[in-house]
Amino acid sequence: MKYISFAIPCYNSQDYMGHAIETVLTGGEEVEIIIVNDGSVDDTARIAQYYAEKYPTIVKVINQENGGHGAAVNAGLKAATGKYFKVVDSDDWVNEEALQKVLATLRNLEENHEQIDMLIANYVYEKVGMKHKKVVRYRNVFPQQKIFTWEDIGKFRLDQYILMHSVIYRTALLKEIGLQLPRHTFYVDNIYVYYPLPYVQKMYYLDVNFYRYFIGRDDQSVNEKMMIKRVGQQIFITKELIDQYQLQEIKNKKLRNYMMKYLSIMMTVSSIVLIRSHSEEALKKKDELWSYLKQKDRKTYQKIRHGILGRSMNIPTKGGRKLSEVFYLLAKQLIGFQ
C-alpha cells in the first residue's frame, strides 16, 4: 500500500533535487514520489527521468510548463494515489529514520481501521551559518500517542504554528475540498496549510524531527530582499486568506483562535516587509491591507488590530515605524521569526 504520496516540485533543481529524492526513497514501496518538473531549463527533467526508470514502482514524473510552486503542488495532488499527501521542496529533505516512524504510525492506524485527516511532525531549520539548529516541536500543543481533535489542543507559542513542512494531509480530504493553489505566485504554502483546517476532524502528532527546511539560497522566497521585491505577492496571499473564511463563523473556539493567530502572523509579515521597504507607496499599501481586512471581516480586524502584533505594526509616525522594525529584529533574534 502507498501510505504517502510525496510531491517534489522542481524548477531548475539539478544541483540539489537528488538529495531530496534519495531521502524519500528510503520509504520503499510504501511511498509514492511524484517529481513535478515545472518548466525547468537545466538537467532537472533528465534527473527526474533517471529516478523514474530506476524506481518505476515508486517514482512518477510530471513535466509541465512553468506555473510556479502552486501549479506544481496542484499537479502532484492530482496525480497522487497514496492515502496521505506530503510536499517536499526540492532543496529540502526528510530525515530517513523519522520517515520510518511516520510510516509505521500510518501503517498501525490502517491496521486498526483508524483514519486521520492530518498528521503533524516536527521540522528543523537547516539554515546556513546557524550554529545551533532550530527545531519546531509541538509537545506543548498536541497530545501524543493518540488520535485527537481541535478540542484537545493546547496553546501555540508565537514561533510555533503549522507550516507545510510539518503537515501531512489525507489525500482524499484535499481532493474533496477542491484545494487549488494559485499559479505563478509565491507564498502559496500559506493557503495550503490554512484552507483545509476547518475540514480537519481527526489528527495525530508524532514527536520526531521529520522535515529539514533549508534556508540559505539567495533566490529563496523567504530571503528578506526577495520578500521586499515580491511584497505584492505576499499581500495577494494574505488577502486570499482573509477572503476564505469569516473567522467568527468557525465553530470550534480553539481552531478559530489558531486561525486568528495565523492570519495575525500573515498581517504582521506583510506589514513589516512593507515598512522595511521604506517608501511612501509601501506605507499606503500597508494601510490598504489593514483596511481590506476591516472591510471583509470587521470582528477579526478588531481582534488582530488591537492585539500585540497589530499594535506593533501600526505605530504612527516615522519613529513608530522604527519601533516596529526594532520589534521585528528582536523577534528574529529571540524566537527565530522567519
C-alpha atoms as a PDB file:
ATOM      1  CA  MET A   1       0.000   0.000   0.000  1.00  0.00           C
ATOM      2  CA  LYS A   2       1.182   3.515  -0.783  1.00  0.00           C
ATOM      3  CA  TYR A   3       0.768   5.272   2.539  1.00  0.00           C
ATOM      4  CA  ILE A   4       2.195   8.630   1.433  1.00  0.00           C
ATOM      5  CA  SER A   5       2.421  10.365  -1.924  1.00  0.00           C
ATOM      6  CA  PHE A   6       5.352  12.769  -1.824  1.00  0.00           C
ATOM      7  CA  ALA A   7       5.151  15.592  -4.353  1.00  0.00           C
ATOM      8  CA  ILE A   8       8.539  17.165  -5.088  1.00  0.00           C
ATOM      9  CA  PRO A   9       8.121  20.399  -7.092  1.00  0.00           C
ATOM     10  CA  CYS A  10      11.272  21.110  -9.108  1.00  0.00           C
ATOM     11  CA  TYR A  11      12.293  24.208 -11.013  1.00  0.00           C
ATOM     12  CA  ASN A  12      15.920  24.246 -12.182  1.00  0.00           C
ATOM     13  CA  SER A  13      16.718  21.976  -9.257  1.00  0.00           C
ATOM     14  CA  GLN A  14      19.512  19.898 -10.779  1.00  0.00           C
ATOM     15  CA  ASP A  15      22.019  20.761  -8.035  1.00  0.00           C
ATOM     16  CA  TYR A  16      20.008  19.554  -5.039  1.00  0.00           C
ATOM     17  CA  MET A  17      16.881  17.593  -6.046  1.00  0.00           C
ATOM     18  CA  GLY A  18      18.724  14.262  -5.851  1.00  0.00           C
ATOM     19  CA  HIS A  19      19.216  14.636  -2.099  1.00  0.00           C
ATOM     20  CA  ALA A  20      15.516  15.264  -1.515  1.00  0.00           C
ATOM     21  CA  ILE A  21      14.533  12.279  -3.664  1.00  0.00           C
ATOM     22  CA  GLU A  22      17.072   9.921  -2.083  1.00  0.00           C
ATOM     23  CA  THR A  23      15.835  10.640   1.443  1.00  0.00           C
ATOM     24  CA  VAL A  24      12.227   9.919   0.475  1.00  0.00           C
ATOM     25  CA  LEU A  25      13.202   6.758  -1.421  1.00  0.00           C
ATOM     26  CA  THR A  26      14.116   5.178   1.923  1.00  0.00           C
ATOM     27  CA  GLY A  27      10.361   4.745   2.409  1.00  0.00           C
ATOM     28  CA  GLY A  28      10.475   1.979  -0.196  1.00  0.00           C
ATOM     29  CA  GLU A  29       7.266   0.622  -1.695  1.00  0.00           C
ATOM     30  CA  GLU A  30       5.131   2.289   0.969  1.00  0.00           C
ATOM     31  CA  VAL A  31       5.720   5.688  -0.646  1.00  0.00           C
ATOM     32  CA  GLU A  32       4.967   7.242  -3.990  1.00  0.00           C
ATOM     33  CA  ILE A  33       7.236  10.001  -5.280  1.00  0.00           C
ATOM     34  CA  ILE A  34       5.825  12.450  -7.800  1.00  0.00           C
ATOM     35  CA  ILE A  35       8.552  14.649  -9.250  1.00  0.00           C
ATOM     36  CA  VAL A  36       6.956  17.680 -10.887  1.00  0.00           C
ATOM     37  CA  ASN A  37       9.305  19.323 -13.349  1.00  0.00           C
ATOM     38  CA  ASP A  38       7.831  22.817 -13.563  1.00  0.00           C
ATOM     39  CA  GLY A  39       9.307  24.033 -16.846  1.00  0.00           C
ATOM     40  CA  SER A  40      12.969  23.676 -15.881  1.00  0.00           C
ATOM     41  CA  VAL A  41      15.634  24.578 -18.447  1.00  0.00           C
ATOM     42  CA  ASP A  42      18.518  22.756 -16.755  1.00  0.00           C
ATOM     43  CA  ASP A  43      19.020  18.996 -16.186  1.00  0.00           C
ATOM     44  CA  THR A  44      16.019  18.619 -13.858  1.00  0.00           C
ATOM     45  CA  ALA A  45      13.964  16.638 -16.409  1.00  0.00           C
ATOM     46  CA  ARG A  46      16.839  14.235 -17.124  1.00  0.00           C
ATOM     47  CA  ILE A  47      17.466  13.595 -13.414  1.00  0.00           C
ATOM     48  CA  ALA A  48      13.767  13.048 -12.793  1.00  0.00           C
ATOM     49  CA  GLN A  49      13.581  10.549 -15.645  1.00  0.00           C
ATOM     50  CA  TYR A  50      16.597   8.691 -14.286  1.00  0.00           C
ATOM     51  CA  TYR A  51      14.809   8.098 -10.986  1.00  0.00           C
ATOM     52  CA  ALA A  52      11.560   7.126 -12.719  1.00  0.00           C
ATOM     53  CA  GLU A  53      13.372   4.493 -14.771  1.00  0.00           C
ATOM     54  CA  LYS A  54      15.377   3.172 -11.828  1.00  0.00           C
ATOM     55  CA  TYR A  55      12.376   3.025  -9.449  1.00  0.00           C
ATOM     56  CA  PRO A  56       9.361   2.533 -11.747  1.00  0.00           C
ATOM     57  CA  THR A  57       7.049   1.326  -8.967  1.00  0.00           C
ATOM     58  CA  ILE A  58       7.818   4.311  -6.753  1.00  0.00           C
ATOM     59  CA  VAL A  59       8.651   7.344  -8.868  1.00  0.00           C
ATOM     60  CA  LYS A  60       6.437   9.208 -11.330  1.00  0.00           C
ATOM     61  CA  VAL A  61       7.456  12.253 -13.357  1.00  0.00           C
ATOM     62  CA  ILE A  62       5.235  15.089 -14.485  1.00  0.00           C
ATOM     63  CA  ASN A  63       6.712  17.533 -16.988  1.00  0.00           C
ATOM     64  CA  GLN A  64       4.723  20.735 -17.366  1.00  0.00           C
ATOM     65  CA  GLU A  65       5.075  24.318 -18.499  1.00  0.00           C
ATOM     66  CA  ASN A  66       6.234  26.649 -15.772  1.00  0.00           C
ATOM     67  CA  GLY A  67       3.359  27.546 -13.481  1.00  0.00           C
ATOM     68  CA  GLY A  68       5.110  28.168 -10.192  1.00  0.00           C
ATOM     69  CA  HIS A  69       5.126  26.284  -6.915  1.00  0.00           C
ATOM     70  CA  GLY A  70       1.334  26.251  -6.611  1.00  0.00           C
ATOM     71  CA  ALA A  71       0.849  24.721 -10.045  1.00  0.00           C
ATOM     72  CA  ALA A  72       3.437  22.046  -9.231  1.00  0.00           C
ATOM     73  CA  VAL A  73       1.677  21.139  -5.967  1.00  0.00           C
ATOM     74  CA  ASN A  74      -1.663  21.040  -7.803  1.00  0.00           C
ATOM     75  CA  ALA A  75      -0.232  18.625 -10.371  1.00  0.00           C
ATOM     76  CA  GLY A  76       1.265  16.430  -7.673  1.00  0.00           C
ATOM     77  CA  LEU A  77      -2.000  16.276  -5.758  1.00  0.00           C
ATOM     78  CA  LYS A  78      -3.992  15.428  -8.879  1.00  0.00           C
ATOM     79  CA  ALA A  79      -1.675  12.504  -9.647  1.00  0.00           C
ATOM     80  CA  ALA A  80      -1.395  11.256  -6.053  1.00  0.00           C
ATOM     81  CA  THR A  81      -2.665   7.746  -5.285  1.00  0.00           C
ATOM     82  CA  GLY A  82      -1.290   7.388  -1.745  1.00  0.00           C
ATOM     83  CA  LYS A  83      -3.621   7.638   1.235  1.00  0.00           C
ATOM     84  CA  TYR A  84      -1.752  10.676   2.575  1.00  0.00           C
ATOM     85  CA  PHE A  85      -0.061  13.557   0.798  1.00  0.00           C
ATOM     86  CA  LYS A  86       3.142  15.423   1.596  1.00  0.00           C
ATOM     87  CA  VAL A  87       5.020  18.189  -0.241  1.00  0.00           C
ATOM     88  CA  VAL A  88       8.817  18.186  -0.065  1.00  0.00           C
ATOM     89  CA  ASP A  89      10.501  21.109  -1.777  1.00  0.00           C
ATOM     90  CA  SER A  90      13.427  20.105  -3.943  1.00  0.00           C
ATOM     91  CA  ASP A  91      16.008  21.949  -1.832  1.00  0.00           C
ATOM     92  CA  ASP A  92      14.715  20.412   1.414  1.00  0.00           C
ATOM     93  CA  TRP A  93      14.761  16.803   2.567  1.00  0.00           C
ATOM     94  CA  VAL A  94      13.363  14.416   5.184  1.00  0.00           C
ATOM     95  CA  ASN A  95      15.085  12.519   7.952  1.00  0.00           C
ATOM     96  CA  GLU A  96      15.158   8.854   6.960  1.00  0.00           C
ATOM     97  CA  GLU A  97      14.750   7.468  10.490  1.00  0.00           C
ATOM     98  CA  ALA A  98      11.824   9.808  11.160  1.00  0.00           C
ATOM     99  CA  LEU A  99      10.238   8.766   7.864  1.00  0.00           C
ATOM    100  CA  GLN A 100      10.227   5.155   9.034  1.00  0.00           C
ATOM    101  CA  LYS A 101       8.433   6.203  12.227  1.00  0.00           C
ATOM    102  CA  VAL A 102       5.869   8.201  10.242  1.00  0.00           C
ATOM    103  CA  LEU A 103       5.196   5.202   8.001  1.00  0.00           C
ATOM    104  CA  ALA A 104       4.968   2.855  10.981  1.00  0.00           C
ATOM    105  CA  THR A 105       2.404   5.163  12.575  1.00  0.00           C
ATOM    106  CA  LEU A 106       0.269   5.291   9.442  1.00  0.00           C
ATOM    107  CA  ARG A 107       0.597   1.544   8.993  1.00  0.00           C
ATOM    108  CA  ASN A 108      -0.563   0.957  12.567  1.00  0.00           C
ATOM    109  CA  LEU A 109      -3.559   3.256  12.093  1.00  0.00           C
ATOM    110  CA  GLU A 110      -4.520   1.388   8.934  1.00  0.00           C
ATOM    111  CA  GLU A 111      -4.217  -1.998  10.609  1.00  0.00           C
ATOM    112  CA  ASN A 112      -6.530  -0.792  13.379  1.00  0.00           C
ATOM    113  CA  HIS A 113      -9.014   0.566  10.832  1.00  0.00           C
ATOM    114  CA  GLU A 114      -8.443   4.130  12.033  1.00  0.00           C
ATOM    115  CA  GLN A 115      -8.162   7.187   9.830  1.00  0.00           C
ATOM    116  CA  ILE A 116      -6.878  10.693  10.446  1.00  0.00           C
ATOM    117  CA  ASP A 117      -7.127  13.857   8.397  1.00  0.00           C
ATOM    118  CA  MET A 118      -3.783  15.359   9.351  1.00  0.00           C
ATOM    119  CA  LEU A 119      -0.517  14.139  10.806  1.00  0.00           C
ATOM    120  CA  ILE A 120       1.834  16.717  12.319  1.00  0.00           C
ATOM    121  CA  ALA A 121       5.554  16.185  12.887  1.00  0.00           C
ATOM    122  CA  ASN A 122       8.431  18.477  13.859  1.00  0.00           C
ATOM    123  CA  TYR A 123      10.601  20.347  11.382  1.00  0.00           C
ATOM    124  CA  VAL A 124      14.159  21.639  11.559  1.00  0.00           C
ATOM    125  CA  TYR A 125      15.581  24.877  10.187  1.00  0.00           C
ATOM    126  CA  GLU A 126      18.715  23.914   8.247  1.00  0.00           C
ATOM    127  CA  LYS A 127      19.946  27.485   7.997  1.00  0.00           C
ATOM    128  CA  VAL A 128      23.344  28.335   6.518  1.00  0.00           C
ATOM    129  CA  GLY A 129      25.611  29.768   9.205  1.00  0.00           C
ATOM    130  CA  MET A 130      23.327  28.774  12.102  1.00  0.00           C
ATOM    131  CA  LYS A 131      25.426  27.384  14.976  1.00  0.00           C
ATOM    132  CA  HIS A 132      22.537  25.541  16.591  1.00  0.00           C
ATOM    133  CA  LYS A 133      19.684  24.097  14.574  1.00  0.00           C
ATOM    134  CA  LYS A 134      16.247  25.402  15.478  1.00  0.00           C
ATOM    135  CA  VAL A 135      13.697  22.617  15.875  1.00  0.00           C
ATOM    136  CA  VAL A 136       9.995  23.461  15.909  1.00  0.00           C
ATOM    137  CA  ARG A 137       8.169  20.983  18.127  1.00  0.00           C
ATOM    138  CA  TYR A 138       4.558  20.813  19.308  1.00  0.00           C
ATOM    139  CA  ARG A 139       4.842  18.904  22.600  1.00  0.00           C
ATOM    140  CA  ASN A 140       3.021  21.653  24.494  1.00  0.00           C
ATOM    141  CA  VAL A 141       0.236  21.872  21.903  1.00  0.00           C
ATOM    142  CA  PHE A 142      -0.751  18.384  20.798  1.00  0.00           C
ATOM    143  CA  PRO A 143      -1.387  15.139  22.721  1.00  0.00           C
ATOM    144  CA  GLN A 144       0.919  12.256  21.877  1.00  0.00           C
ATOM    145  CA  GLN A 145       0.309   8.573  21.129  1.00  0.00           C
ATOM    146  CA  LYS A 146      -3.378   9.148  20.368  1.00  0.00           C
ATOM    147  CA  ILE A 147      -5.821  10.490  17.826  1.00  0.00           C
ATOM    148  CA  PHE A 148      -7.179  13.871  18.919  1.00  0.00           C
ATOM    149  CA  THR A 149      -9.417  16.735  17.800  1.00  0.00           C
ATOM    150  CA  TRP A 150      -9.223  20.520  17.988  1.00  0.00           C
ATOM    151  CA  GLU A 151     -10.849  20.345  21.426  1.00  0.00           C
ATOM    152  CA  ASP A 152      -7.755  18.586  22.761  1.00  0.00           C
ATOM    153  CA  ILE A 153      -5.071  21.062  21.675  1.00  0.00           C
ATOM    154  CA  GLY A 154      -3.068  23.402  23.885  1.00  0.00           C
ATOM    155  CA  LYS A 155      -1.794  26.909  23.246  1.00  0.00           C
ATOM    156  CA  PHE A 156       0.612  27.727  20.407  1.00  0.00           C
ATOM    157  CA  ARG A 157       3.610  29.939  21.069  1.00  0.00           C
ATOM    158  CA  LEU A 158       4.362  32.859  18.761  1.00  0.00           C
ATOM    159  CA  ASP A 159       7.030  30.896  16.868  1.00  0.00           C
ATOM    160  CA  GLN A 160       5.001  27.715  16.763  1.00  0.00           C
ATOM    161  CA  TYR A 161       2.429  27.289  14.047  1.00  0.00           C
ATOM    162  CA  ILE A 162       1.615  24.639  11.474  1.00  0.00           C
ATOM    163  CA  LEU A 163       3.560  25.011   8.240  1.00  0.00           C
ATOM    164  CA  MET A 164       3.706  22.976   5.064  1.00  0.00           C
ATOM    165  CA  HIS A 165       6.897  21.468   6.493  1.00  0.00           C
ATOM    166  CA  SER A 166       5.117  19.960   9.481  1.00  0.00           C
ATOM    167  CA  VAL A 167       1.870  18.694   7.995  1.00  0.00           C
ATOM    168  CA  ILE A 168       0.775  15.565   6.143  1.00  0.00           C
ATOM    169  CA  TYR A 169      -2.845  15.677   4.954  1.00  0.00           C
ATOM    170  CA  ARG A 170      -5.151  12.850   3.972  1.00  0.00           C
ATOM    171  CA  THR A 171      -5.114  12.919   0.167  1.00  0.00           C
ATOM    172  CA  ALA A 172      -8.849  12.396  -0.274  1.00  0.00           C
ATOM    173  CA  LEU A 173      -9.614  15.330   2.037  1.00  0.00           C
ATOM    174  CA  LEU A 174      -7.556  17.742  -0.083  1.00  0.00           C
ATOM    175  CA  LYS A 175      -9.248  16.487  -3.231  1.00  0.00           C
ATOM    176  CA  GLU A 176     -12.736  16.594  -1.710  1.00  0.00           C
ATOM    177  CA  ILE A 177     -12.424  20.238  -0.658  1.00  0.00           C
ATOM    178  CA  GLY A 178     -11.080  21.151  -4.093  1.00  0.00           C
ATOM    179  CA  LEU A 179      -7.766  22.586  -2.931  1.00  0.00           C
ATOM    180  CA  GLN A 180      -6.216  24.579  -5.779  1.00  0.00           C
ATOM    181  CA  LEU A 181      -3.231  26.848  -5.302  1.00  0.00           C
ATOM    182  CA  PRO A 182      -2.677  29.980  -7.419  1.00  0.00           C
ATOM    183  CA  ARG A 183      -0.280  29.766 -10.359  1.00  0.00           C
ATOM    184  CA  HIS A 184       2.826  31.932 -10.741  1.00  0.00           C
ATOM    185  CA  THR A 185       2.628  33.054  -7.120  1.00  0.00           C
ATOM    186  CA  PHE A 186       4.998  32.729  -4.194  1.00  0.00           C
ATOM    187  CA  TYR A 187       3.951  32.000  -0.580  1.00  0.00           C
ATOM    188  CA  VAL A 188       1.120  29.641  -1.634  1.00  0.00           C
ATOM    189  CA  ASP A 189       2.155  27.272   1.164  1.00  0.00           C
ATOM    190  CA  ASN A 190       0.142  29.530   3.477  1.00  0.00           C
ATOM    191  CA  ILE A 191      -3.058  28.670   1.597  1.00  0.00           C
ATOM    192  CA  TYR A 192      -2.063  25.007   1.599  1.00  0.00           C
ATOM    193  CA  VAL A 193      -1.887  24.806   5.398  1.00  0.00           C
ATOM    194  CA  TYR A 194      -4.709  27.278   6.206  1.00  0.00           C
ATOM    195  CA  TYR A 195      -7.607  26.473   3.899  1.00  0.00           C
ATOM    196  CA  PRO A 196      -8.094  22.775   4.859  1.00  0.00           C
ATOM    197  CA  LEU A 197      -8.070  23.344   8.638  1.00  0.00           C
ATOM    198  CA  PRO A 198     -11.846  23.637   9.244  1.00  0.00           C
ATOM    199  CA  TYR A 199     -12.309  20.347   7.379  1.00  0.00           C
ATOM    200  CA  VAL A 200      -9.814  18.519   9.597  1.00  0.00           C
ATOM    201  CA  GLN A 201     -11.546  16.457  12.281  1.00  0.00           C
ATOM    202  CA  LYS A 202      -9.002  13.876  13.472  1.00  0.00           C
ATOM    203  CA  MET A 203      -5.282  14.478  13.957  1.00  0.00           C
ATOM    204  CA  TYR A 204      -2.169  12.718  15.176  1.00  0.00           C
ATOM    205  CA  TYR A 205       1.098  14.265  16.398  1.00  0.00           C
ATOM    206  CA  LEU A 206       4.380  12.404  16.038  1.00  0.00           C
ATOM    207  CA  ASP A 207       7.247  13.928  18.030  1.00  0.00           C
ATOM    208  CA  VAL A 208      10.013  13.265  15.503  1.00  0.00           C
ATOM    209  CA  ASN A 209      12.214  15.747  13.646  1.00  0.00           C
ATOM    210  CA  PHE A 210      10.965  14.765  10.228  1.00  0.00           C
ATOM    211  CA  TYR A 211      11.268  17.655   7.763  1.00  0.00           C
ATOM    212  CA  ARG A 212      14.509  19.529   7.131  1.00  0.00           C
ATOM    213  CA  TYR A 213      13.837  23.049   5.892  1.00  0.00           C
ATOM    214  CA  PHE A 214      16.869  24.502   4.133  1.00  0.00           C
ATOM    215  CA  ILE A 215      17.414  28.269   4.288  1.00  0.00           C
ATOM    216  CA  GLY A 216      20.386  29.832   2.589  1.00  0.00           C
ATOM    217  CA  ARG A 217      19.968  30.284  -1.154  1.00  0.00           C
ATOM    218  CA  ASP A 218      19.965  33.934  -2.282  1.00  0.00           C
ATOM    219  CA  ASP A 219      16.919  33.436  -4.523  1.00  0.00           C
ATOM    220  CA  GLN A 220      14.719  31.823  -1.866  1.00  0.00           C
ATOM    221  CA  SER A 221      11.323  33.444  -1.328  1.00  0.00           C
ATOM    222  CA  VAL A 222      11.989  33.794   2.430  1.00  0.00           C
ATOM    223  CA  ASN A 223      15.146  35.819   1.808  1.00  0.00           C
ATOM    224  CA  GLU A 224      14.277  39.306   3.108  1.00  0.00           C
ATOM    225  CA  LYS A 225      15.428  41.116  -0.034  1.00  0.00           C
ATOM    226  CA  MET A 226      13.305  38.781  -2.137  1.00  0.00           C
ATOM    227  CA  MET A 227      10.336  39.291   0.173  1.00  0.00           C
ATOM    228  CA  ILE A 228      10.582  43.053  -0.302  1.00  0.00           C
ATOM    229  CA  LYS A 229      10.857  42.558  -4.055  1.00  0.00           C
ATOM    230  CA  ARG A 230       7.826  40.232  -4.077  1.00  0.00           C
ATOM    231  CA  VAL A 231       5.762  42.037  -1.470  1.00  0.00           C
ATOM    232  CA  GLY A 232       2.846  42.322  -3.897  1.00  0.00           C
ATOM    233  CA  GLN A 233       2.539  38.545  -3.880  1.00  0.00           C
ATOM    234  CA  GLN A 234       2.742  38.439  -0.090  1.00  0.00           C
ATOM    235  CA  ILE A 235      -0.167  40.905   0.027  1.00  0.00           C
ATOM    236  CA  PHE A 236      -2.110  38.855  -2.529  1.00  0.00           C
ATOM    237  CA  ILE A 237      -1.787  35.667  -0.453  1.00  0.00           C
ATOM    238  CA  THR A 238      -2.731  37.479   2.746  1.00  0.00           C
ATOM    239  CA  LYS A 239      -5.891  38.779   1.067  1.00  0.00           C
ATOM    240  CA  GLU A 240      -6.648  35.285  -0.176  1.00  0.00           C
ATOM    241  CA  LEU A 241      -6.599  34.044   3.423  1.00  0.00           C
ATOM    242  CA  ILE A 242      -8.822  36.926   4.518  1.00  0.00           C
ATOM    243  CA  ASP A 243     -11.338  36.040   1.802  1.00  0.00           C
ATOM    244  CA  GLN A 244     -11.507  32.332   2.622  1.00  0.00           C
ATOM    245  CA  TYR A 245     -13.352  32.497   5.945  1.00  0.00           C
ATOM    246  CA  GLN A 246     -15.291  34.769   8.274  1.00  0.00           C
ATOM    247  CA  LEU A 247     -13.342  33.554  11.261  1.00  0.00           C
ATOM    248  CA  GLN A 248     -16.111  34.296  13.763  1.00  0.00           C
ATOM    249  CA  GLU A 249     -18.155  31.623  11.973  1.00  0.00           C
ATOM    250  CA  ILE A 250     -15.598  28.905  12.764  1.00  0.00           C
ATOM    251  CA  LYS A 251     -17.493  26.986  15.452  1.00  0.00           C
ATOM    252  CA  ASN A 252     -14.619  25.432  17.352  1.00  0.00           C
ATOM    253  CA  LYS A 253     -13.105  28.103  19.576  1.00  0.00           C
ATOM    254  CA  LYS A 254      -9.596  26.620  19.710  1.00  0.00           C
ATOM    255  CA  LEU A 255      -9.436  26.230  15.938  1.00  0.00           C
ATOM    256  CA  ARG A 256     -10.821  29.739  15.483  1.00  0.00           C
ATOM    257  CA  ASN A 257      -8.184  31.173  17.817  1.00  0.00           C
ATOM    258  CA  TYR A 258      -5.428  29.340  15.983  1.00  0.00           C
ATOM    259  CA  MET A 259      -6.602  30.550  12.577  1.00  0.00           C
ATOM    260  CA  MET A 260      -6.850  34.074  14.009  1.00  0.00           C
ATOM    261  CA  LYS A 261      -3.257  33.784  15.177  1.00  0.00           C
ATOM    262  CA  TYR A 262      -2.126  32.532  11.777  1.00  0.00           C
ATOM    263  CA  LEU A 263      -3.835  35.404   9.973  1.00  0.00           C
ATOM    264  CA  SER A 264      -2.317  37.805  12.501  1.00  0.00           C
ATOM    265  CA  ILE A 265       1.150  36.473  11.632  1.00  0.00           C
ATOM    266  CA  MET A 266       0.418  36.946   7.924  1.00  0.00           C
ATOM    267  CA  MET A 267      -0.721  40.531   8.512  1.00  0.00           C
ATOM    268  CA  THR A 268       2.421  41.137  10.552  1.00  0.00           C
ATOM    269  CA  VAL A 269       4.754  39.690   7.918  1.00  0.00           C
ATOM    270  CA  SER A 270       3.124  41.730   5.144  1.00  0.00           C
ATOM    271  CA  SER A 271       3.228  44.876   7.291  1.00  0.00           C
ATOM    272  CA  ILE A 272       6.869  44.611   8.341  1.00  0.00           C
ATOM    273  CA  VAL A 273       8.013  43.865   4.784  1.00  0.00           C
ATOM    274  CA  LEU A 274       6.156  46.990   3.609  1.00  0.00           C
ATOM    275  CA  ILE A 275       7.592  49.071   6.467  1.00  0.00           C
ATOM    276  CA  ARG A 276      11.107  47.887   5.653  1.00  0.00           C
ATOM    277  CA  SER A 277      10.566  48.847   2.018  1.00  0.00           C
ATOM    278  CA  HIS A 278      10.966  52.446   3.242  1.00  0.00           C
ATOM    279  CA  SER A 279       8.707  54.117   0.695  1.00  0.00           C
ATOM    280  CA  GLU A 280       5.500  56.129   0.881  1.00  0.00           C
ATOM    281  CA  GLU A 281       3.900  53.813  -1.678  1.00  0.00           C
ATOM    282  CA  ALA A 282       4.640  50.796   0.527  1.00  0.00           C
ATOM    283  CA  LEU A 283       3.131  52.504   3.575  1.00  0.00           C
ATOM    284  CA  LYS A 284      -0.045  53.219   1.610  1.00  0.00           C
ATOM    285  CA  LYS A 285      -0.203  49.538   0.677  1.00  0.00           C
ATOM    286  CA  LYS A 286       0.133  48.600   4.338  1.00  0.00           C
ATOM    287  CA  ASP A 287      -2.761  50.852   5.327  1.00  0.00           C
ATOM    288  CA  GLU A 288      -4.814  49.496   2.417  1.00  0.00           C
ATOM    289  CA  LEU A 289      -4.214  45.918   3.560  1.00  0.00           C
ATOM    290  CA  TRP A 290      -5.478  46.660   7.064  1.00  0.00           C
ATOM    291  CA  SER A 291      -8.478  48.468   5.556  1.00  0.00           C
ATOM    292  CA  TYR A 292      -9.151  45.404   3.398  1.00  0.00           C
ATOM    293  CA  LEU A 293      -9.292  43.173   6.484  1.00  0.00           C
ATOM    294  CA  LYS A 294     -11.575  45.665   8.236  1.00  0.00           C
ATOM    295  CA  GLN A 295     -13.948  45.730   5.278  1.00  0.00           C
ATOM    296  CA  LYS A 296     -14.028  41.947   4.800  1.00  0.00           C
ATOM    297  CA  ASP A 297     -14.174  40.796   8.428  1.00  0.00           C
ATOM    298  CA  ARG A 298     -14.609  43.615  10.925  1.00  0.00           C
ATOM    299  CA  LYS A 299     -14.639  41.440  14.061  1.00  0.00           C
ATOM    300  CA  THR A 300     -11.436  39.676  13.059  1.00  0.00           C
ATOM    301  CA  TYR A 301      -9.898  43.050  12.217  1.00  0.00           C
ATOM    302  CA  GLN A 302     -10.701  44.377  15.686  1.00  0.00           C
ATOM    303  CA  LYS A 303      -9.088  41.386  17.394  1.00  0.00           C
ATOM    304  CA  ILE A 304      -5.940  41.400  15.246  1.00  0.00           C
ATOM    305  CA  ARG A 305      -5.523  45.166  15.006  1.00  0.00           C
ATOM    306  CA  HIS A 306      -5.727  45.613  18.781  1.00  0.00           C
ATOM    307  CA  GLY A 307      -3.586  42.603  19.615  1.00  0.00           C
ATOM    308  CA  ILE A 308       0.113  42.967  20.381  1.00  0.00           C
ATOM    309  CA  LEU A 309       1.220  42.232  16.804  1.00  0.00           C
ATOM    310  CA  GLY A 310      -1.358  44.544  15.250  1.00  0.00           C
ATOM    311  CA  ARG A 311      -0.441  47.394  17.573  1.00  0.00           C
ATOM    312  CA  SER A 312       3.273  46.906  16.971  1.00  0.00           C
ATOM    313  CA  MET A 313       2.820  47.155  13.204  1.00  0.00           C
ATOM    314  CA  ASN A 314       0.656  50.279  13.273  1.00  0.00           C
ATOM    315  CA  ILE A 315       2.535  52.715  15.481  1.00  0.00           C
ATOM    316  CA  PRO A 316       2.090  56.161  13.877  1.00  0.00           C
ATOM    317  CA  THR A 317       4.947  58.458  12.766  1.00  0.00           C
ATOM    318  CA  LYS A 318       8.389  57.661  11.420  1.00  0.00           C
ATOM    319  CA  GLY A 319       9.660  56.962  14.920  1.00  0.00           C
ATOM    320  CA  GLY A 320       6.840  54.488  15.436  1.00  0.00           C
ATOM    321  CA  ARG A 321       7.815  52.621  12.304  1.00  0.00           C
ATOM    322  CA  LYS A 322      11.368  52.439  13.622  1.00  0.00           C
ATOM    323  CA  LEU A 323       9.976  50.797  16.761  1.00  0.00           C
ATOM    324  CA  SER A 324       8.116  48.310  14.552  1.00  0.00           C
ATOM    325  CA  GLU A 325      11.406  47.403  12.885  1.00  0.00           C
ATOM    326  CA  VAL A 326      13.096  47.010  16.263  1.00  0.00           C
ATOM    327  CA  PHE A 327      10.295  44.663  17.338  1.00  0.00           C
ATOM    328  CA  TYR A 328      10.792  42.639  14.164  1.00  0.00           C
ATOM    329  CA  LEU A 329      14.577  42.387  14.586  1.00  0.00           C
ATOM    330  CA  LEU A 330      14.203  41.332  18.223  1.00  0.00           C
ATOM    331  CA  ALA A 331      11.659  38.694  17.224  1.00  0.00           C
ATOM    332  CA  LYS A 332      14.065  37.314  14.610  1.00  0.00           C
ATOM    333  CA  GLN A 333      16.828  37.108  17.186  1.00  0.00           C
ATOM    334  CA  LEU A 334      14.843  35.762  20.125  1.00  0.00           C
ATOM    335  CA  ILE A 335      12.475  33.269  18.527  1.00  0.00           C
ATOM    336  CA  GLY A 336      13.830  32.763  15.033  1.00  0.00           C
ATOM    337  CA  PHE A 337      10.922  34.645  13.445  1.00  0.00           C
ATOM    338  CA  GLN A 338      11.188  33.992   9.714  1.00  0.00           C
END
